[in-house]
Every structure is written in structure tokens, then in C-alpha cells.
């Protein structure tokens, strides 16, 4: 991958006489233009992670609620408190 050392020269240099006045444009990093797709994918993953976390925590809390521990059960050394 080539490096660009002078942006002004790079952006204002004509490529040849047939395209005089046209600025040279090139991508400066790979996959230019896919940012929107990546943001949407990230949002889907983020929302999915929250849904899965909520489901697993709700399941765990329901299991604890079924045991109906009292406030003093920890004094009796009950496991899985």
C-alpha cells in the first residue's frame, strides 16, 4: 500500500491531460464505503447480546426465586445462596 505524504499535491494533481482539472481520489484504508453496513451489523450484534444477556439473567433470577430463600438462610450456611 502506498503512502501519501502531501495531501494538497495528491488531491489537486491532474492524472493526465484528458482529465485535466479532475482531482485524484484514492482510498486511504481498505473497504472504504462499507461503514454503514458495519454499523448496522454492530447494532444487530449489540442488540442481540442484550437480548441474550437479559434472557439468561431472567432465567437465573427465576431459579433463585423458586428456591424462596429467607433473609436468614445465609446464617445456616445454605449452599447456592
PDB file of N, CA and C in Angstrom:
ATOM      1  N   UNK A   1       0.850  -1.167   0.000  1.00  0.00           N
ATOM      2  CA  UNK A   1       0.000   0.000   0.000  1.00  0.00           C
ATOM      3  C   UNK A   1       0.897   1.232   0.000  1.00  0.00           C
ATOM      4  N   UNK A   2       0.640   2.129  -0.876  1.00  0.00           N
ATOM      5  CA  UNK A   2       1.434   3.349  -0.988  1.00  0.00           C
ATOM      6  C   UNK A   2       1.037   4.329   0.106  1.00  0.00           C
ATOM      7  N   UNK A   3       1.961   5.177   0.451  1.00  0.00           N
ATOM      8  CA  UNK A   3       1.663   6.202   1.438  1.00  0.00           C
ATOM      9  C   UNK A   3       1.542   7.548   0.755  1.00  0.00           C
ATOM     10  N   UNK A   4       0.749   8.402   1.325  1.00  0.00           N
ATOM     11  CA  UNK A   4       0.548   9.745   0.782  1.00  0.00           C
ATOM     12  C   UNK A   4       1.207  10.719   1.739  1.00  0.00           C
ATOM     13  N   UNK A   5       2.170  11.478   1.243  1.00  0.00           N
ATOM     14  CA  UNK A   5       2.912  12.376   2.116  1.00  0.00           C
ATOM     15  C   UNK A   5       2.433  13.818   2.022  1.00  0.00           C
ATOM     16  N   UNK A   6       1.868  14.224   0.891  1.00  0.00           N
ATOM     17  CA  UNK A   6       1.426  15.599   0.726  1.00  0.00           C
ATOM     18  C   UNK A   6      -0.006  15.579   0.209  1.00  0.00           C
ATOM     19  N   UNK A   7      -0.976  15.855   1.052  1.00  0.00           N
ATOM     20  CA  UNK A   7      -2.387  15.768   0.690  1.00  0.00           C
ATOM     21  C   UNK A   7      -2.789  16.797  -0.353  1.00  0.00           C
ATOM     22  N   UNK A   8      -2.309  17.993  -0.236  1.00  0.00           N
ATOM     23  CA  UNK A   8      -2.701  19.044  -1.186  1.00  0.00           C
ATOM     24  C   UNK A   8      -2.236  18.691  -2.589  1.00  0.00           C
ATOM     25  N   UNK A   9      -0.993  18.243  -2.715  1.00  0.00           N
ATOM     26  CA  UNK A   9      -0.490  17.835  -4.022  1.00  0.00           C
ATOM     27  C   UNK A   9      -1.265  16.628  -4.538  1.00  0.00           C
ATOM     28  N   UNK A  10      -1.552  15.704  -3.671  1.00  0.00           N
ATOM     29  CA  UNK A  10      -2.264  14.493  -4.074  1.00  0.00           C
ATOM     30  C   UNK A  10      -3.674  14.810  -4.572  1.00  0.00           C
ATOM     31  N   UNK A  11      -4.377  15.694  -3.906  1.00  0.00           N
ATOM     32  CA  UNK A  11      -5.764  15.982  -4.259  1.00  0.00           C
ATOM     33  C   UNK A  11      -5.906  16.935  -5.443  1.00  0.00           C
ATOM     34  N   UNK A  12      -4.885  17.699  -5.744  1.00  0.00           N
ATOM     35  CA  UNK A  12      -5.015  18.687  -6.816  1.00  0.00           C
ATOM     36  C   UNK A  12      -4.215  18.343  -8.066  1.00  0.00           C
ATOM     37  N   UNK A  13      -3.497  17.261  -8.077  1.00  0.00           N
ATOM     38  CA  UNK A  13      -2.708  16.872  -9.237  1.00  0.00           C
ATOM     39  C   UNK A  13      -3.613  16.221 -10.275  1.00  0.00           C
ATOM     40  N   UNK A  14      -3.491  16.678 -11.518  1.00  0.00           N
ATOM     41  CA  UNK A  14      -4.258  16.079 -12.607  1.00  0.00           C
ATOM     42  C   UNK A  14      -3.623  14.747 -12.985  1.00  0.00           C
ATOM     43  N   UNK A  15      -4.489  13.803 -13.360  1.00  0.00           N
ATOM     44  CA  UNK A  15      -3.962  12.487 -13.722  1.00  0.00           C
ATOM     45  C   UNK A  15      -3.333  12.496 -15.111  1.00  0.00           C
ATOM     46  N   UNK A  16      -3.951  13.165 -16.081  1.00  0.00           N
ATOM     47  CA  UNK A  16      -3.378  13.340 -17.412  1.00  0.00           C
ATOM     48  C   UNK A  16      -4.118  14.494 -18.088  1.00  0.00           C
ATOM     49  N   UNK A  17      -3.718  14.836 -19.280  1.00  0.00           N
ATOM     50  CA  UNK A  17      -4.316  15.991 -19.952  1.00  0.00           C
ATOM     51  C   UNK A  17      -5.760  15.744 -20.366  1.00  0.00           C
ATOM     52  N   UNK A  18      -6.154  14.500 -20.588  1.00  0.00           N
ATOM     53  CA  UNK A  18      -7.537  14.201 -20.978  1.00  0.00           C
ATOM     54  C   UNK A  18      -8.504  14.462 -19.829  1.00  0.00           C
ATOM     55  N   UNK A  19      -8.038  14.327 -18.612  1.00  0.00           N
ATOM     56  CA  UNK A  19      -8.898  14.550 -17.447  1.00  0.00           C
ATOM     57  C   UNK A  19      -8.412  15.747 -16.648  1.00  0.00           C
ATOM     58  N   UNK A  20      -8.009  16.771 -17.336  1.00  0.00           N
ATOM     59  CA  UNK A  20      -7.463  17.947 -16.679  1.00  0.00           C
ATOM     60  C   UNK A  20      -8.511  18.575 -15.762  1.00  0.00           C
ATOM     61  N   UNK A  21      -8.095  18.920 -14.576  1.00  0.00           N
ATOM     62  CA  UNK A  21      -8.987  19.530 -13.599  1.00  0.00           C
ATOM     63  C   UNK A  21      -9.692  18.530 -12.702  1.00  0.00           C
ATOM     64  N   UNK A  22      -9.521  17.266 -12.978  1.00  0.00           N
ATOM     65  CA  UNK A  22     -10.140  16.233 -12.142  1.00  0.00           C
ATOM     66  C   UNK A  22      -9.165  15.874 -11.031  1.00  0.00           C
ATOM     67  N   UNK A  23      -9.669  15.892  -9.836  1.00  0.00           N
ATOM     68  CA  UNK A  23      -8.794  15.576  -8.709  1.00  0.00           C
ATOM     69  C   UNK A  23      -8.552  14.071  -8.630  1.00  0.00           C
ATOM     70  N   UNK A  24      -7.372  13.752  -8.144  1.00  0.00           N
ATOM     71  CA  UNK A  24      -7.021  12.353  -7.944  1.00  0.00           C
ATOM     72  C   UNK A  24      -7.635  11.927  -6.623  1.00  0.00           C
ATOM     73  N   UNK A  25      -8.416  10.890  -6.667  1.00  0.00           N
ATOM     74  CA  UNK A  25      -9.020  10.383  -5.443  1.00  0.00           C
ATOM     75  C   UNK A  25      -8.676   8.927  -5.261  1.00  0.00           C
ATOM     76  N   UNK A  26      -8.279   8.585  -4.077  1.00  0.00           N
ATOM     77  CA  UNK A  26      -7.986   7.179  -3.801  1.00  0.00           C
ATOM     78  C   UNK A  26      -8.388   6.882  -2.376  1.00  0.00           C
ATOM     79  N   UNK A  27      -8.628   5.626  -2.120  1.00  0.00           N
ATOM     80  CA  UNK A  27      -8.982   5.228  -0.762  1.00  0.00           C
ATOM     81  C   UNK A  27      -7.724   5.190   0.088  1.00  0.00           C
ATOM     82  N   UNK A  28      -7.856   5.600   1.326  1.00  0.00           N
ATOM     83  CA  UNK A  28      -6.697   5.627   2.215  1.00  0.00           C
ATOM     84  C   UNK A  28      -6.740   4.499   3.220  1.00  0.00           C
ATOM     85  N   UNK A  29      -7.807   3.686   3.190  1.00  0.00           N
ATOM     86  CA  UNK A  29      -7.889   2.499   4.030  1.00  0.00           C
ATOM     87  C   UNK A  29      -8.744   1.457   3.319  1.00  0.00           C
ATOM     88  N   UNK A  30      -8.593   0.200   3.674  1.00  0.00           N
ATOM     89  CA  UNK A  30      -9.337  -0.855   2.986  1.00  0.00           C
ATOM     90  C   UNK A  30     -10.830  -0.810   3.281  1.00  0.00           C
ATOM     91  N   UNK A  31     -11.632  -1.293   2.358  1.00  0.00           N
ATOM     92  CA  UNK A  31     -13.080  -1.420   2.483  1.00  0.00           C
ATOM     93  C   UNK A  31     -13.784  -0.077   2.678  1.00  0.00           C
ATOM     94  N   UNK A  32     -13.355   0.934   1.949  1.00  0.00           N
ATOM     95  CA  UNK A  32     -13.996   2.235   2.018  1.00  0.00           C
ATOM     96  C   UNK A  32     -15.413   2.109   1.473  1.00  0.00           C
ATOM     97  N   UNK A  33     -16.369   2.697   2.175  1.00  0.00           N
ATOM     98  CA  UNK A  33     -17.753   2.663   1.743  1.00  0.00           C
ATOM     99  C   UNK A  33     -18.594   1.613   2.444  1.00  0.00           C
ATOM    100  N   UNK A  34     -17.981   0.795   3.271  1.00  0.00           N
ATOM    101  CA  UNK A  34     -18.734  -0.243   3.969  1.00  0.00           C
ATOM    102  C   UNK A  34     -19.065   0.152   5.407  1.00  0.00           C
ATOM    103  N   UNK A  35     -18.843   1.397   5.754  1.00  0.00           N
ATOM    104  CA  UNK A  35     -19.046   1.830   7.134  1.00  0.00           C
ATOM    105  C   UNK A  35     -20.496   1.665   7.569  1.00  0.00           C
ATOM    106  N   UNK A  36     -21.430   1.990   6.699  1.00  0.00           N
ATOM    107  CA  UNK A  36     -22.846   1.871   7.040  1.00  0.00           C
ATOM    108  C   UNK A  36     -23.244   0.435   7.328  1.00  0.00           C
ATOM    109  N   UNK A  37     -22.760  -0.477   6.504  1.00  0.00           N
ATOM    110  CA  UNK A  37     -23.060  -1.899   6.706  1.00  0.00           C
ATOM    111  C   UNK A  37     -22.436  -2.387   8.014  1.00  0.00           C
ATOM    112  N   UNK A  38     -21.226  -1.943   8.298  1.00  0.00           N
ATOM    113  CA  UNK A  38     -20.570  -2.353   9.531  1.00  0.00           C
ATOM    114  C   UNK A  38     -21.287  -1.813  10.757  1.00  0.00           C
ATOM    115  N   UNK A  39     -21.789  -0.584  10.685  1.00  0.00           N
ATOM    116  CA  UNK A  39     -22.532  -0.007  11.808  1.00  0.00           C
ATOM    117  C   UNK A  39     -23.824  -0.784  12.033  1.00  0.00           C
ATOM    118  N   UNK A  40     -24.528  -1.127  10.961  1.00  0.00           N
ATOM    119  CA  UNK A  40     -25.763  -1.899  11.092  1.00  0.00           C
ATOM    120  C   UNK A  40     -25.469  -3.278  11.691  1.00  0.00           C
ATOM    121  N   UNK A  41     -24.401  -3.922  11.230  1.00  0.00           N
ATOM    122  CA  UNK A  41     -24.020  -5.229  11.777  1.00  0.00           C
ATOM    123  C   UNK A  41     -23.686  -5.114  13.261  1.00  0.00           C
ATOM    124  N   UNK A  42     -22.975  -4.067  13.632  1.00  0.00           N
ATOM    125  CA  UNK A  42     -22.631  -3.852  15.029  1.00  0.00           C
ATOM    126  C   UNK A  42     -23.885  -3.646  15.875  1.00  0.00           C
ATOM    127  N   UNK A  43     -24.844  -2.876  15.378  1.00  0.00           N
ATOM    128  CA  UNK A  43     -26.085  -2.658  16.120  1.00  0.00           C
ATOM    129  C   UNK A  43     -26.861  -3.956  16.307  1.00  0.00           C
ATOM    130  N   UNK A  44     -26.913  -4.787  15.282  1.00  0.00           N
ATOM    131  CA  UNK A  44     -27.609  -6.077  15.382  1.00  0.00           C
ATOM    132  C   UNK A  44     -26.926  -6.955  16.427  1.00  0.00           C
ATOM    133  N   UNK A  45     -25.601  -7.008  16.405  1.00  0.00           N
ATOM    134  CA  UNK A  45     -24.857  -7.809  17.385  1.00  0.00           C
ATOM    135  C   UNK A  45     -25.068  -7.258  18.793  1.00  0.00           C
ATOM    136  N   UNK A  46     -25.044  -5.944  18.944  1.00  0.00           N
ATOM    137  CA  UNK A  46     -25.188  -5.309  20.251  1.00  0.00           C
ATOM    138  C   UNK A  46     -26.572  -5.577  20.835  1.00  0.00           C
ATOM    139  N   UNK A  47     -27.609  -5.427  20.021  1.00  0.00           N
ATOM    140  CA  UNK A  47     -28.973  -5.679  20.491  1.00  0.00           C
ATOM    141  C   UNK A  47     -29.145  -7.168  20.799  1.00  0.00           C
ATOM    142  N   UNK A  48     -28.614  -8.034  19.959  1.00  0.00           N
ATOM    143  CA  UNK A  48     -28.682  -9.471  20.214  1.00  0.00           C
ATOM    144  C   UNK A  48     -28.001  -9.859  21.506  1.00  0.00           C
ATOM    145  N   UNK A  49     -26.854  -9.253  21.775  1.00  0.00           N
ATOM    146  CA  UNK A  49     -26.139  -9.535  23.022  1.00  0.00           C
ATOM    147  C   UNK A  49     -26.984  -9.137  24.225  1.00  0.00           C
ATOM    148  N   UNK A  50     -27.651  -7.982  24.147  1.00  0.00           N
ATOM    149  CA  UNK A  50     -28.503  -7.542  25.254  1.00  0.00           C
ATOM    150  C   UNK A  50     -29.688  -8.475  25.442  1.00  0.00           C
ATOM    151  N   UNK A  51     -30.285  -8.935  24.361  1.00  0.00           N
ATOM    152  CA  UNK A  51     -31.423  -9.851  24.457  1.00  0.00           C
ATOM    153  C   UNK A  51     -30.978 -11.172  25.091  1.00  0.00           C
ATOM    154  N   UNK A  52     -29.853 -11.720  24.651  1.00  0.00           N
ATOM    155  CA  UNK A  52     -29.368 -12.981  25.213  1.00  0.00           C
ATOM    156  C   UNK A  52     -28.987 -12.833  26.684  1.00  0.00           C
ATOM    157  N   UNK A  53     -28.363 -11.720  27.044  1.00  0.00           N
ATOM    158  CA  UNK A  53     -27.992 -11.482  28.434  1.00  0.00           C
ATOM    159  C   UNK A  53     -29.228 -11.353  29.307  1.00  0.00           C
ATOM    160  N   UNK A  54     -30.226 -10.627  28.826  1.00  0.00           N
ATOM    161  CA  UNK A  54     -31.465 -10.465  29.585  1.00  0.00           C
ATOM    162  C   UNK A  54     -32.152 -11.813  29.793  1.00  0.00           C
ATOM    163  N   UNK A  55     -32.180 -12.636  28.764  1.00  0.00           N
ATOM    164  CA  UNK A  55     -32.822 -13.949  28.879  1.00  0.00           C
ATOM    165  C   UNK A  55     -32.096 -14.830  29.898  1.00  0.00           C
ATOM    166  N   UNK A  56     -30.768 -14.844  29.849  1.00  0.00           N
ATOM    167  CA  UNK A  56     -30.026 -15.698  30.780  1.00  0.00           C
ATOM    168  C   UNK A  56     -30.132 -15.185  32.218  1.00  0.00           C
ATOM    169  N   UNK A  57     -30.110 -13.873  32.413  1.00  0.00           N
ATOM    170  CA  UNK A  57     -30.236 -13.331  33.758  1.00  0.00           C
ATOM    171  C   UNK A  57     -31.642 -13.546  34.298  1.00  0.00           C
ATOM    172  N   UNK A  58     -32.653 -13.424  33.455  1.00  0.00           N
ATOM    173  CA  UNK A  58     -34.031 -13.672  33.900  1.00  0.00           C
ATOM    174  C   UNK A  58     -34.201 -15.128  34.317  1.00  0.00           C
ATOM    175  N   UNK A  59     -33.616 -16.050  33.558  1.00  0.00           N
ATOM    176  CA  UNK A  59     -33.698 -17.468  33.893  1.00  0.00           C
ATOM    177  C   UNK A  59     -33.042 -17.726  35.242  1.00  0.00           C
ATOM    178  N   UNK A  60     -31.870 -17.133  35.451  1.00  0.00           N
ATOM    179  CA  UNK A  60     -31.158 -17.324  36.714  1.00  0.00           C
ATOM    180  C   UNK A  60     -31.950 -16.748  37.890  1.00  0.00           C
ATOM    181  N   UNK A  61     -32.535 -15.579  37.703  1.00  0.00           N
ATOM    182  CA  UNK A  61     -33.317 -14.966  38.776  1.00  0.00           C
ATOM    183  C   UNK A  61     -34.586 -15.757  39.066  1.00  0.00           C
ATOM    184  N   UNK A  62     -35.208 -16.333  38.045  1.00  0.00           N
ATOM    185  CA  UNK A  62     -36.396 -17.157  38.266  1.00  0.00           C
ATOM    186  C   UNK A  62     -36.046 -18.418  39.056  1.00  0.00           C
ATOM    187  N   UNK A  63     -34.876 -19.013  38.753  1.00  0.00           N
ATOM    188  CA  UNK A  63     -34.457 -20.197  39.509  1.00  0.00           C
ATOM    189  C   UNK A  63     -34.216 -19.852  40.973  1.00  0.00           C
ATOM    190  N   UNK A  64     -33.613 -18.692  41.229  1.00  0.00           N
ATOM    191  CA  UNK A  64     -33.392 -18.278  42.617  1.00  0.00           C
ATOM    192  C   UNK A  64     -34.704 -17.956  43.313  1.00  0.00           C
ATOM    193  N   UNK A  65     -35.649 -17.380  42.581  1.00  0.00           N
ATOM    194  CA  UNK A  65     -36.938 -17.043  43.184  1.00  0.00           C
ATOM    195  C   UNK A  65     -37.724 -18.303  43.547  1.00  0.00           C
ATOM    196  N   UNK A  66     -37.565 -19.364  42.786  1.00  0.00           N
ATOM    197  CA  UNK A  66     -38.274 -20.616  43.080  1.00  0.00           C
ATOM    198  C   UNK A  66     -37.778 -21.254  44.371  1.00  0.00           C
ATOM    199  N   UNK A  67     -36.548 -21.004  44.762  1.00  0.00           N
ATOM    200  CA  UNK A  67     -35.983 -21.589  45.979  1.00  0.00           C
ATOM    201  C   UNK A  67     -36.558 -20.919  47.228  1.00  0.00           C
ATOM    202  N   UNK A  68     -37.071 -19.715  47.081  1.00  0.00           N
ATOM    203  CA  UNK A  68     -37.708 -18.957  48.157  1.00  0.00           C
ATOM    204  C   UNK A  68     -36.816 -18.884  49.405  1.00  0.00           C
ATOM    205  N   UNK A  69     -35.625 -18.371  49.223  1.00  0.00           N
ATOM    206  CA  UNK A  69     -34.721 -18.190  50.355  1.00  0.00           C
ATOM    207  C   UNK A  69     -35.266 -17.123  51.284  1.00  0.00           C
ATOM    208  N   UNK A  70     -35.012 -17.302  52.557  1.00  0.00           N
ATOM    209  CA  UNK A  70     -35.396 -16.261  53.510  1.00  0.00           C
ATOM    210  C   UNK A  70     -34.177 -15.393  53.786  1.00  0.00           C
ATOM    211  N   UNK A  71     -34.398 -14.344  54.533  1.00  0.00           N
ATOM    212  CA  UNK A  71     -33.327 -13.385  54.791  1.00  0.00           C
ATOM    213  C   UNK A  71     -32.231 -13.970  55.669  1.00  0.00           C
ATOM    214  N   UNK A  72     -32.526 -14.994  56.450  1.00  0.00           N
ATOM    215  CA  UNK A  72     -31.541 -15.552  57.379  1.00  0.00           C
ATOM    216  C   UNK A  72     -30.957 -16.880  56.915  1.00  0.00           C
ATOM    217  N   UNK A  73     -31.247 -17.329  55.722  1.00  0.00           N
ATOM    218  CA  UNK A  73     -30.726 -18.607  55.246  1.00  0.00           C
ATOM    219  C   UNK A  73     -29.208 -18.599  55.130  1.00  0.00           C
ATOM    220  N   UNK A  74     -28.601 -17.473  54.890  1.00  0.00           N
ATOM    221  CA  UNK A  74     -27.142 -17.437  54.777  1.00  0.00           C
ATOM    222  C   UNK A  74     -26.478 -17.770  56.113  1.00  0.00           C
ATOM    223  N   UNK A  75     -27.184 -17.589  57.225  1.00  0.00           N
ATOM    224  CA  UNK A  75     -26.625 -17.905  58.539  1.00  0.00           C
ATOM    225  C   UNK A  75     -26.549 -19.415  58.756  1.00  0.00           C
ATOM    226  N   UNK A  76     -27.384 -20.159  58.064  1.00  0.00           N
ATOM    227  CA  UNK A  76     -27.398 -21.607  58.197  1.00  0.00           C
ATOM    228  C   UNK A  76     -26.422 -22.267  57.224  1.00  0.00           C
ATOM    229  N   UNK A  77     -25.679 -21.487  56.515  1.00  0.00           N
ATOM    230  CA  UNK A  77     -24.665 -21.973  55.575  1.00  0.00           C
ATOM    231  C   UNK A  77     -25.300 -22.793  54.443  1.00  0.00           C
ATOM    232  N   UNK A  78     -26.402 -22.302  53.894  1.00  0.00           N
ATOM    233  CA  UNK A  78     -27.072 -22.965  52.781  1.00  0.00           C
ATOM    234  C   UNK A  78     -26.282 -22.675  51.517  1.00  0.00           C
ATOM    235  N   UNK A  79     -25.987 -23.734  50.767  1.00  0.00           N
ATOM    236  CA  UNK A  79     -25.224 -23.547  49.536  1.00  0.00           C
ATOM    237  C   UNK A  79     -26.119 -22.949  48.467  1.00  0.00           C
ATOM    238  N   UNK A  80     -25.485 -22.441  47.447  1.00  0.00           N
ATOM    239  CA  UNK A  80     -26.159 -21.793  46.336  1.00  0.00           C
ATOM    240  C   UNK A  80     -27.027 -20.618  46.778  1.00  0.00           C
ATOM    241  N   UNK A  81     -26.578 -19.916  47.748  1.00  0.00           N
ATOM    242  CA  UNK A  81     -27.281 -18.707  48.189  1.00  0.00           C
ATOM    243  C   UNK A  81     -27.038 -17.672  47.202  1.00  0.00           C
TER     244      UNK A  81
END
